[in-house]
Amino acid sequence: MSFKDHFSTQATDYAQYRPNYPEALFAYLATLVPEHKLAWDCGTGNGQAALSLAPHFEKISATDPSAKQIANATPHAKINYHIAPAERTEIPPHSVDLITVAQALHWFDFEKFYAEVGRVLKPNGVLAVWCYTLLESEPQIDAILNEFYFDIVGRYWPPERKLLENNYRDIPFPFEQITTPRFYMEQEWRLDDLFGYLGTWSSVQRFIAQHGEDPREQIRARLREAWGEVAEPRRIKWPLHLKIGRLER
């Protein structure tokens, strides 16, 4: 099965600059399942979520269709990384306690993926998916980034991005949903960290490929002015939007 590869080009930067999910999220997810033998992190990318699952599960299967993403994933004794599409894996039937999908569900073939979920989850197993969009900082910084996102690189986002922008409300989710607490990602970043993160956006890479220039340069001076001392770290926050469901048999 082919897949839309929007991230292999910037896989190294993706591993360096993507924000980390809160550890409290994974501790919470672990409370939802009675056993903690095997978790599957689907669409693992560089393994961010898989690494955070490691303290809570005996083993983690982490899959991604991108060989470059898997090559940049952080090794861990509990994690088995595999190149595989979300819709077809070699995970044994009814062996998984928890499935996580971090910022990736909008790329999947929903019907085929949910069939695979039903195949590999244990009875009463849990599927947890989440997404995030624009970061939140200070108003003057947020205004520049909103302009960059929508006006400068907006038309270079792939169509699936619309599902993410609507916080996954339009994505089918045929499971008994669980009401969840609110979680946020938070980072202390310098301005260079923020620019590195913007460079991981697929829209930025598509802009560069089409025009031969980096769109971040259009906002660099204004963002530097709004930031102030460039070496001074600032608090950056992303609200997470979760869908968590239990497979009833």
C-alpha atoms as a PDB file:
ATOM      1  CA  MET A   1       0.000   0.000   0.000  1.00  0.00           C
ATOM      2  CA  SER A   2       1.385   3.402  -0.960  1.00  0.00           C
ATOM      3  CA  PHE A   3       1.238   6.326   1.435  1.00  0.00           C
ATOM      4  CA  LYS A   4       1.454  10.099   1.250  1.00  0.00           C
ATOM      5  CA  ASP A   5       4.940  10.891   2.507  1.00  0.00           C
ATOM      6  CA  HIS A   6       5.061  14.486   3.738  1.00  0.00           C
ATOM      7  CA  PHE A   7       7.777  14.062   6.370  1.00  0.00           C
ATOM      8  CA  SER A   8      10.722  11.981   5.159  1.00  0.00           C
ATOM      9  CA  THR A   9      12.488  15.020   3.686  1.00  0.00           C
ATOM     10  CA  GLN A  10      12.679  16.736   7.070  1.00  0.00           C
ATOM     11  CA  ALA A  11      12.880  13.582   9.211  1.00  0.00           C
ATOM     12  CA  THR A  12      16.068  14.665  11.029  1.00  0.00           C
ATOM     13  CA  ASP A  13      14.657  18.086  11.943  1.00  0.00           C
ATOM     14  CA  TYR A  14      11.372  16.441  12.854  1.00  0.00           C
ATOM     15  CA  ALA A  15      13.170  14.353  15.476  1.00  0.00           C
ATOM     16  CA  GLN A  16      14.987  17.426  16.817  1.00  0.00           C
ATOM     17  CA  TYR A  17      12.291  20.090  16.893  1.00  0.00           C
ATOM     18  CA  ARG A  18       8.911  18.466  17.433  1.00  0.00           C
ATOM     19  CA  PRO A  19       7.463  19.230  20.893  1.00  0.00           C
ATOM     20  CA  ASN A  20       7.134  16.472  23.480  1.00  0.00           C
ATOM     21  CA  TYR A  21       3.820  15.099  24.676  1.00  0.00           C
ATOM     22  CA  PRO A  22       3.131  15.407  28.420  1.00  0.00           C
ATOM     23  CA  GLU A  23       4.057  12.414  30.529  1.00  0.00           C
ATOM     24  CA  ALA A  24       0.767  12.832  32.397  1.00  0.00           C
ATOM     25  CA  LEU A  25      -1.071  11.834  29.223  1.00  0.00           C
ATOM     26  CA  PHE A  26       0.604   8.430  29.061  1.00  0.00           C
ATOM     27  CA  ALA A  27       0.190   7.802  32.766  1.00  0.00           C
ATOM     28  CA  TYR A  28      -3.519   8.501  32.284  1.00  0.00           C
ATOM     29  CA  LEU A  29      -3.796   6.205  29.249  1.00  0.00           C
ATOM     30  CA  ALA A  30      -2.183   3.390  31.228  1.00  0.00           C
ATOM     31  CA  THR A  31      -5.014   3.601  33.780  1.00  0.00           C
ATOM     32  CA  LEU A  32      -7.588   2.817  31.079  1.00  0.00           C
ATOM     33  CA  VAL A  33      -6.424  -0.742  30.385  1.00  0.00           C
ATOM     34  CA  PRO A  34      -6.245  -3.663  32.835  1.00  0.00           C
ATOM     35  CA  GLU A  35      -3.097  -5.193  31.322  1.00  0.00           C
ATOM     36  CA  HIS A  36       0.119  -3.537  30.211  1.00  0.00           C
ATOM     37  CA  LYS A  37       1.815  -6.192  28.124  1.00  0.00           C
ATOM     38  CA  LEU A  38       1.789  -4.577  24.662  1.00  0.00           C
ATOM     39  CA  ALA A  39       1.049  -1.125  23.277  1.00  0.00           C
ATOM     40  CA  TRP A  40       1.055  -0.232  19.587  1.00  0.00           C
ATOM     41  CA  ASP A  41       2.110   3.294  18.614  1.00  0.00           C
ATOM     42  CA  CYS A  42       0.842   3.665  15.069  1.00  0.00           C
ATOM     43  CA  GLY A  43       2.319   6.350  12.828  1.00  0.00           C
ATOM     44  CA  THR A  44       5.144   6.622  15.327  1.00  0.00           C
ATOM     45  CA  GLY A  45       7.312   9.002  13.284  1.00  0.00           C
ATOM     46  CA  ASN A  46      10.507   9.396  15.283  1.00  0.00           C
ATOM     47  CA  GLY A  47       9.082   7.465  18.241  1.00  0.00           C
ATOM     48  CA  GLN A  48       8.055  10.323  20.533  1.00  0.00           C
ATOM     49  CA  ALA A  49       4.885   8.686  21.831  1.00  0.00           C
ATOM     50  CA  ALA A  50       6.429   5.214  21.838  1.00  0.00           C
ATOM     51  CA  LEU A  51       9.196   6.365  24.181  1.00  0.00           C
ATOM     52  CA  SER A  52       6.649   7.838  26.577  1.00  0.00           C
ATOM     53  CA  LEU A  53       4.716   4.570  26.602  1.00  0.00           C
ATOM     54  CA  ALA A  54       7.811   2.605  27.637  1.00  0.00           C
ATOM     55  CA  PRO A  55       7.530   3.223  31.406  1.00  0.00           C
ATOM     56  CA  HIS A  56       3.969   1.881  31.390  1.00  0.00           C
ATOM     57  CA  PHE A  57       4.086  -1.218  29.145  1.00  0.00           C
ATOM     58  CA  GLU A  58       6.244  -4.311  28.909  1.00  0.00           C
ATOM     59  CA  LYS A  59       6.628  -3.964  25.128  1.00  0.00           C
ATOM     60  CA  ILE A  60       5.772  -1.396  22.489  1.00  0.00           C
ATOM     61  CA  SER A  61       5.340  -2.036  18.775  1.00  0.00           C
ATOM     62  CA  ALA A  62       5.996   1.220  16.919  1.00  0.00           C
ATOM     63  CA  THR A  63       5.147   1.391  13.220  1.00  0.00           C
ATOM     64  CA  ASP A  64       5.462   3.993  10.499  1.00  0.00           C
ATOM     65  CA  PRO A  65       5.425   3.695   6.698  1.00  0.00           C
ATOM     66  CA  SER A  66       8.410   6.061   6.369  1.00  0.00           C
ATOM     67  CA  ALA A  67      11.803   4.332   6.468  1.00  0.00           C
ATOM     68  CA  LYS A  68      13.510   7.688   7.091  1.00  0.00           C
ATOM     69  CA  GLN A  69      11.343   8.398  10.105  1.00  0.00           C
ATOM     70  CA  ILE A  70      12.086   4.964  11.563  1.00  0.00           C
ATOM     71  CA  ALA A  71      15.806   5.524  10.894  1.00  0.00           C
ATOM     72  CA  ASN A  72      15.635   8.668  13.049  1.00  0.00           C
ATOM     73  CA  ALA A  73      13.677   7.030  15.864  1.00  0.00           C
ATOM     74  CA  THR A  74      15.318   6.765  19.285  1.00  0.00           C
ATOM     75  CA  PRO A  75      16.185   3.146  20.187  1.00  0.00           C
ATOM     76  CA  HIS A  76      14.792   1.657  23.393  1.00  0.00           C
ATOM     77  CA  ALA A  77      14.982  -1.860  24.786  1.00  0.00           C
ATOM     78  CA  LYS A  78      11.191  -2.130  25.059  1.00  0.00           C
ATOM     79  CA  ILE A  79      10.386  -0.748  21.598  1.00  0.00           C
ATOM     80  CA  ASN A  80      10.302  -2.721  18.357  1.00  0.00           C
ATOM     81  CA  TYR A  81      10.250  -0.317  15.403  1.00  0.00           C
ATOM     82  CA  HIS A  82       8.794  -1.577  12.133  1.00  0.00           C
ATOM     83  CA  ILE A  83       8.193  -0.013   8.724  1.00  0.00           C
ATOM     84  CA  ALA A  84       4.513  -0.707   8.105  1.00  0.00           C
ATOM     85  CA  PRO A  85       1.348   1.110   7.054  1.00  0.00           C
ATOM     86  CA  ALA A  86      -1.317   1.756   9.660  1.00  0.00           C
ATOM     87  CA  GLU A  87      -3.779  -0.376   7.751  1.00  0.00           C
ATOM     88  CA  ARG A  88      -1.735  -3.594   7.609  1.00  0.00           C
ATOM     89  CA  THR A  89       0.734  -4.838  10.199  1.00  0.00           C
ATOM     90  CA  GLU A  90       2.191  -8.132  11.370  1.00  0.00           C
ATOM     91  CA  ILE A  91       1.004  -7.628  14.942  1.00  0.00           C
ATOM     92  CA  PRO A  92      -0.644 -10.846  16.234  1.00  0.00           C
ATOM     93  CA  PRO A  93      -4.449 -10.848  16.566  1.00  0.00           C
ATOM     94  CA  HIS A  94      -5.992  -9.706  19.875  1.00  0.00           C
ATOM     95  CA  SER A  95      -2.580  -9.020  21.430  1.00  0.00           C
ATOM     96  CA  VAL A  96      -2.609  -5.253  22.031  1.00  0.00           C
ATOM     97  CA  ASP A  97      -3.807  -3.542  25.209  1.00  0.00           C
ATOM     98  CA  LEU A  98      -3.541   0.064  23.995  1.00  0.00           C
ATOM     99  CA  ILE A  99      -3.174   1.688  20.560  1.00  0.00           C
ATOM    100  CA  THR A 100      -1.953   5.267  20.296  1.00  0.00           C
ATOM    101  CA  VAL A 101      -1.995   7.519  17.232  1.00  0.00           C
ATOM    102  CA  ALA A 102      -0.305  10.875  17.820  1.00  0.00           C
ATOM    103  CA  GLN A 103      -0.890  13.572  15.176  1.00  0.00           C
ATOM    104  CA  ALA A 104      -1.269  10.990  12.394  1.00  0.00           C
ATOM    105  CA  LEU A 105      -4.846   9.687  12.111  1.00  0.00           C
ATOM    106  CA  HIS A 106      -5.784  12.181   9.385  1.00  0.00           C
ATOM    107  CA  TRP A 107      -3.350  10.437   7.001  1.00  0.00           C
ATOM    108  CA  PHE A 108      -4.945   6.996   7.398  1.00  0.00           C
ATOM    109  CA  ASP A 109      -7.553   5.094   5.416  1.00  0.00           C
ATOM    110  CA  PHE A 110     -10.073   5.117   8.268  1.00  0.00           C
ATOM    111  CA  GLU A 111     -12.080   2.028   7.327  1.00  0.00           C
ATOM    112  CA  LYS A 112      -9.008  -0.151   6.795  1.00  0.00           C
ATOM    113  CA  PHE A 113      -7.239   1.175   9.875  1.00  0.00           C
ATOM    114  CA  TYR A 114     -10.235   0.560  12.108  1.00  0.00           C
ATOM    115  CA  ALA A 115     -10.433  -2.970  10.737  1.00  0.00           C
ATOM    116  CA  GLU A 116      -6.803  -3.458  11.782  1.00  0.00           C
ATOM    117  CA  VAL A 117      -7.601  -1.972  15.200  1.00  0.00           C
ATOM    118  CA  GLY A 118     -10.374  -4.532  15.616  1.00  0.00           C
ATOM    119  CA  ARG A 119      -8.027  -7.320  14.561  1.00  0.00           C
ATOM    120  CA  VAL A 120      -5.181  -6.565  16.982  1.00  0.00           C
ATOM    121  CA  LEU A 121      -6.891  -5.112  20.083  1.00  0.00           C
ATOM    122  CA  LYS A 122      -7.720  -7.329  23.034  1.00  0.00           C
ATOM    123  CA  PRO A 123     -11.333  -7.386  24.244  1.00  0.00           C
ATOM    124  CA  ASN A 124     -12.017  -4.031  25.933  1.00  0.00           C
ATOM    125  CA  GLY A 125      -8.748  -2.668  24.547  1.00  0.00           C
ATOM    126  CA  VAL A 126      -8.406   1.073  24.043  1.00  0.00           C
ATOM    127  CA  LEU A 127      -7.623   3.240  21.033  1.00  0.00           C
ATOM    128  CA  ALA A 128      -6.334   6.749  21.841  1.00  0.00           C
ATOM    129  CA  VAL A 129      -5.778   9.323  19.094  1.00  0.00           C
ATOM    130  CA  TRP A 130      -4.918  12.993  19.421  1.00  0.00           C
ATOM    131  CA  CYS A 131      -3.898  16.028  17.445  1.00  0.00           C
ATOM    132  CA  TYR A 132      -2.774  19.623  17.842  1.00  0.00           C
ATOM    133  CA  THR A 133      -2.568  22.622  15.527  1.00  0.00           C
ATOM    134  CA  LEU A 134      -1.212  26.106  16.180  1.00  0.00           C
ATOM    135  CA  LEU A 135       0.890  26.853  19.215  1.00  0.00           C
ATOM    136  CA  GLU A 136       0.006  29.497  21.770  1.00  0.00           C
ATOM    137  CA  SER A 137       2.532  31.990  23.125  1.00  0.00           C
ATOM    138  CA  GLU A 138       2.161  35.751  23.492  1.00  0.00           C
ATOM    139  CA  PRO A 139      -0.446  37.689  21.432  1.00  0.00           C
ATOM    140  CA  GLN A 140       2.048  39.482  19.179  1.00  0.00           C
ATOM    141  CA  ILE A 141       3.871  36.238  18.410  1.00  0.00           C
ATOM    142  CA  ASP A 142       0.632  34.316  17.883  1.00  0.00           C
ATOM    143  CA  ALA A 143      -0.584  36.934  15.376  1.00  0.00           C
ATOM    144  CA  ILE A 144       2.543  36.569  13.222  1.00  0.00           C
ATOM    145  CA  LEU A 145       2.353  32.777  13.292  1.00  0.00           C
ATOM    146  CA  ASN A 146      -1.337  32.818  12.379  1.00  0.00           C
ATOM    147  CA  GLU A 147      -0.521  34.964   9.346  1.00  0.00           C
ATOM    148  CA  PHE A 148       2.296  32.603   8.407  1.00  0.00           C
ATOM    149  CA  TYR A 149       0.099  29.512   8.806  1.00  0.00           C
ATOM    150  CA  PHE A 150      -2.951  30.734   6.909  1.00  0.00           C
ATOM    151  CA  ASP A 151      -1.753  33.436   4.503  1.00  0.00           C
ATOM    152  CA  ILE A 152       1.821  32.523   3.569  1.00  0.00           C
ATOM    153  CA  VAL A 153       1.897  28.701   3.571  1.00  0.00           C
ATOM    154  CA  GLY A 154      -1.844  28.008   3.915  1.00  0.00           C
ATOM    155  CA  ARG A 155      -2.395  26.787   0.365  1.00  0.00           C
ATOM    156  CA  TYR A 156       0.586  24.438   0.607  1.00  0.00           C
ATOM    157  CA  TRP A 157      -0.963  22.267   3.305  1.00  0.00           C
ATOM    158  CA  PRO A 158      -2.258  18.902   2.029  1.00  0.00           C
ATOM    159  CA  PRO A 159      -6.057  18.502   2.079  1.00  0.00           C
ATOM    160  CA  GLU A 160      -5.966  16.142   5.076  1.00  0.00           C
ATOM    161  CA  ARG A 161      -4.850  19.083   7.203  1.00  0.00           C
ATOM    162  CA  LYS A 162      -8.469  20.309   7.291  1.00  0.00           C
ATOM    163  CA  LEU A 163      -9.378  17.303   9.446  1.00  0.00           C
ATOM    164  CA  LEU A 164      -6.696  18.261  11.925  1.00  0.00           C
ATOM    165  CA  GLU A 165      -7.687  21.942  11.918  1.00  0.00           C
ATOM    166  CA  ASN A 166     -11.183  20.889  12.992  1.00  0.00           C
ATOM    167  CA  ASN A 167      -9.649  19.006  15.949  1.00  0.00           C
ATOM    168  CA  TYR A 168     -10.702  15.624  14.491  1.00  0.00           C
ATOM    169  CA  ARG A 169     -14.397  16.391  14.988  1.00  0.00           C
ATOM    170  CA  ASP A 170     -15.120  15.312  11.386  1.00  0.00           C
ATOM    171  CA  ILE A 171     -13.226  12.015  11.580  1.00  0.00           C
ATOM    172  CA  PRO A 172     -15.361   8.884  12.065  1.00  0.00           C
ATOM    173  CA  PHE A 173     -14.656   7.119  15.336  1.00  0.00           C
ATOM    174  CA  PRO A 174     -16.739   3.940  15.708  1.00  0.00           C
ATOM    175  CA  PHE A 175     -15.918   3.199  19.345  1.00  0.00           C
ATOM    176  CA  GLU A 176     -17.446   3.822  22.750  1.00  0.00           C
ATOM    177  CA  GLN A 177     -15.854   7.179  23.547  1.00  0.00           C
ATOM    178  CA  ILE A 178     -14.315   8.004  26.900  1.00  0.00           C
ATOM    179  CA  THR A 179     -14.494  11.513  28.346  1.00  0.00           C
ATOM    180  CA  THR A 180     -10.942  12.688  28.988  1.00  0.00           C
ATOM    181  CA  PRO A 181      -9.121  15.351  30.994  1.00  0.00           C
ATOM    182  CA  ARG A 182      -7.451  18.248  29.182  1.00  0.00           C
ATOM    183  CA  PHE A 183      -3.795  17.913  28.281  1.00  0.00           C
ATOM    184  CA  TYR A 184      -1.286  20.361  26.835  1.00  0.00           C
ATOM    185  CA  MET A 185       2.196  20.157  25.399  1.00  0.00           C
ATOM    186  CA  GLU A 186       4.498  22.810  26.831  1.00  0.00           C
ATOM    187  CA  GLN A 187       8.042  23.773  25.878  1.00  0.00           C
ATOM    188  CA  GLU A 188      10.563  26.419  26.870  1.00  0.00           C
ATOM    189  CA  TRP A 189      11.900  27.474  23.467  1.00  0.00           C
ATOM    190  CA  ARG A 190      14.319  30.027  22.124  1.00  0.00           C
ATOM    191  CA  LEU A 191      13.594  31.710  18.812  1.00  0.00           C
ATOM    192  CA  ASP A 192      15.886  29.312  16.919  1.00  0.00           C
ATOM    193  CA  ASP A 193      13.889  26.374  18.285  1.00  0.00           C
ATOM    194  CA  LEU A 194      10.675  27.918  16.979  1.00  0.00           C
ATOM    195  CA  PHE A 195      12.156  28.461  13.517  1.00  0.00           C
ATOM    196  CA  GLY A 196      13.391  24.879  13.491  1.00  0.00           C
ATOM    197  CA  TYR A 197       9.905  23.673  14.381  1.00  0.00           C
ATOM    198  CA  LEU A 198       8.310  25.737  11.611  1.00  0.00           C
ATOM    199  CA  GLY A 199      10.708  24.070   9.190  1.00  0.00           C
ATOM    200  CA  THR A 200       9.189  20.666   9.987  1.00  0.00           C
ATOM    201  CA  TRP A 201       5.798  21.762   8.609  1.00  0.00           C
ATOM    202  CA  SER A 202       4.928  19.927   5.405  1.00  0.00           C
ATOM    203  CA  SER A 203       3.536  23.183   3.982  1.00  0.00           C
ATOM    204  CA  VAL A 204       6.911  24.885   4.439  1.00  0.00           C
ATOM    205  CA  GLN A 205       8.693  22.042   2.655  1.00  0.00           C
ATOM    206  CA  ARG A 206       6.192  22.152  -0.223  1.00  0.00           C
ATOM    207  CA  PHE A 207       6.655  25.936  -0.499  1.00  0.00           C
ATOM    208  CA  ILE A 208      10.449  25.483  -0.694  1.00  0.00           C
ATOM    209  CA  ALA A 209      10.122  22.735  -3.298  1.00  0.00           C
ATOM    210  CA  GLN A 210       7.890  24.894  -5.491  1.00  0.00           C
ATOM    211  CA  HIS A 211       9.591  28.295  -5.128  1.00  0.00           C
ATOM    212  CA  GLY A 212      13.172  27.476  -4.197  1.00  0.00           C
ATOM    213  CA  GLU A 213      13.096  29.808  -1.190  1.00  0.00           C
ATOM    214  CA  ASP A 214      12.254  29.493   2.485  1.00  0.00           C
ATOM    215  CA  PRO A 215       8.948  31.151   3.461  1.00  0.00           C
ATOM    216  CA  ARG A 216      10.137  31.560   7.045  1.00  0.00           C
ATOM    217  CA  GLU A 217      12.298  34.438   5.832  1.00  0.00           C
ATOM    218  CA  GLN A 218       9.115  36.439   5.238  1.00  0.00           C
ATOM    219  CA  ILE A 219       8.433  36.596   8.972  1.00  0.00           C
ATOM    220  CA  ARG A 220      11.918  36.312  10.464  1.00  0.00           C
ATOM    221  CA  ALA A 221      12.484  40.031  11.130  1.00  0.00           C
ATOM    222  CA  ARG A 222       9.012  40.672  12.581  1.00  0.00           C
ATOM    223  CA  LEU A 223       9.149  37.568  14.724  1.00  0.00           C
ATOM    224  CA  ARG A 224      12.593  38.539  16.036  1.00  0.00           C
ATOM    225  CA  GLU A 225      11.261  41.971  16.966  1.00  0.00           C
ATOM    226  CA  ALA A 226       8.198  40.507  18.694  1.00  0.00           C
ATOM    227  CA  TRP A 227      10.330  37.951  20.537  1.00  0.00           C
ATOM    228  CA  GLY A 228      12.809  40.439  21.963  1.00  0.00           C
ATOM    229  CA  GLU A 229      16.032  38.864  23.227  1.00  0.00           C
ATOM    230  CA  VAL A 230      16.424  35.918  20.828  1.00  0.00           C
ATOM    231  CA  ALA A 231      18.327  33.799  23.352  1.00  0.00           C
ATOM    232  CA  GLU A 232      15.604  34.254  25.946  1.00  0.00           C
ATOM    233  CA  PRO A 233      13.358  31.166  26.180  1.00  0.00           C
ATOM    234  CA  ARG A 234       9.615  31.637  26.081  1.00  0.00           C
ATOM    235  CA  ARG A 235       6.802  29.344  27.157  1.00  0.00           C
ATOM    236  CA  ILE A 236       5.074  27.685  24.182  1.00  0.00           C
ATOM    237  CA  LYS A 237       1.854  25.699  24.579  1.00  0.00           C
ATOM    238  CA  TRP A 238      -0.243  23.450  22.327  1.00  0.00           C
ATOM    239  CA  PRO A 239      -3.689  22.193  23.429  1.00  0.00           C
ATOM    240  CA  LEU A 240      -4.163  18.500  22.653  1.00  0.00           C
ATOM    241  CA  HIS A 241      -7.463  17.290  21.206  1.00  0.00           C
ATOM    242  CA  LEU A 242      -8.172  13.659  22.085  1.00  0.00           C
ATOM    243  CA  LYS A 243     -10.502  10.909  20.930  1.00  0.00           C
ATOM    244  CA  ILE A 244     -10.299   7.833  23.152  1.00  0.00           C
ATOM    245  CA  GLY A 245     -12.482   4.789  22.669  1.00  0.00           C
ATOM    246  CA  ARG A 246     -12.865   1.269  23.965  1.00  0.00           C
ATOM    247  CA  LEU A 247     -13.370  -1.734  21.729  1.00  0.00           C
ATOM    248  CA  GLU A 248     -16.329  -3.714  23.023  1.00  0.00           C
ATOM    249  CA  ARG A 249     -16.638  -7.369  22.046  1.00  0.00           C
END
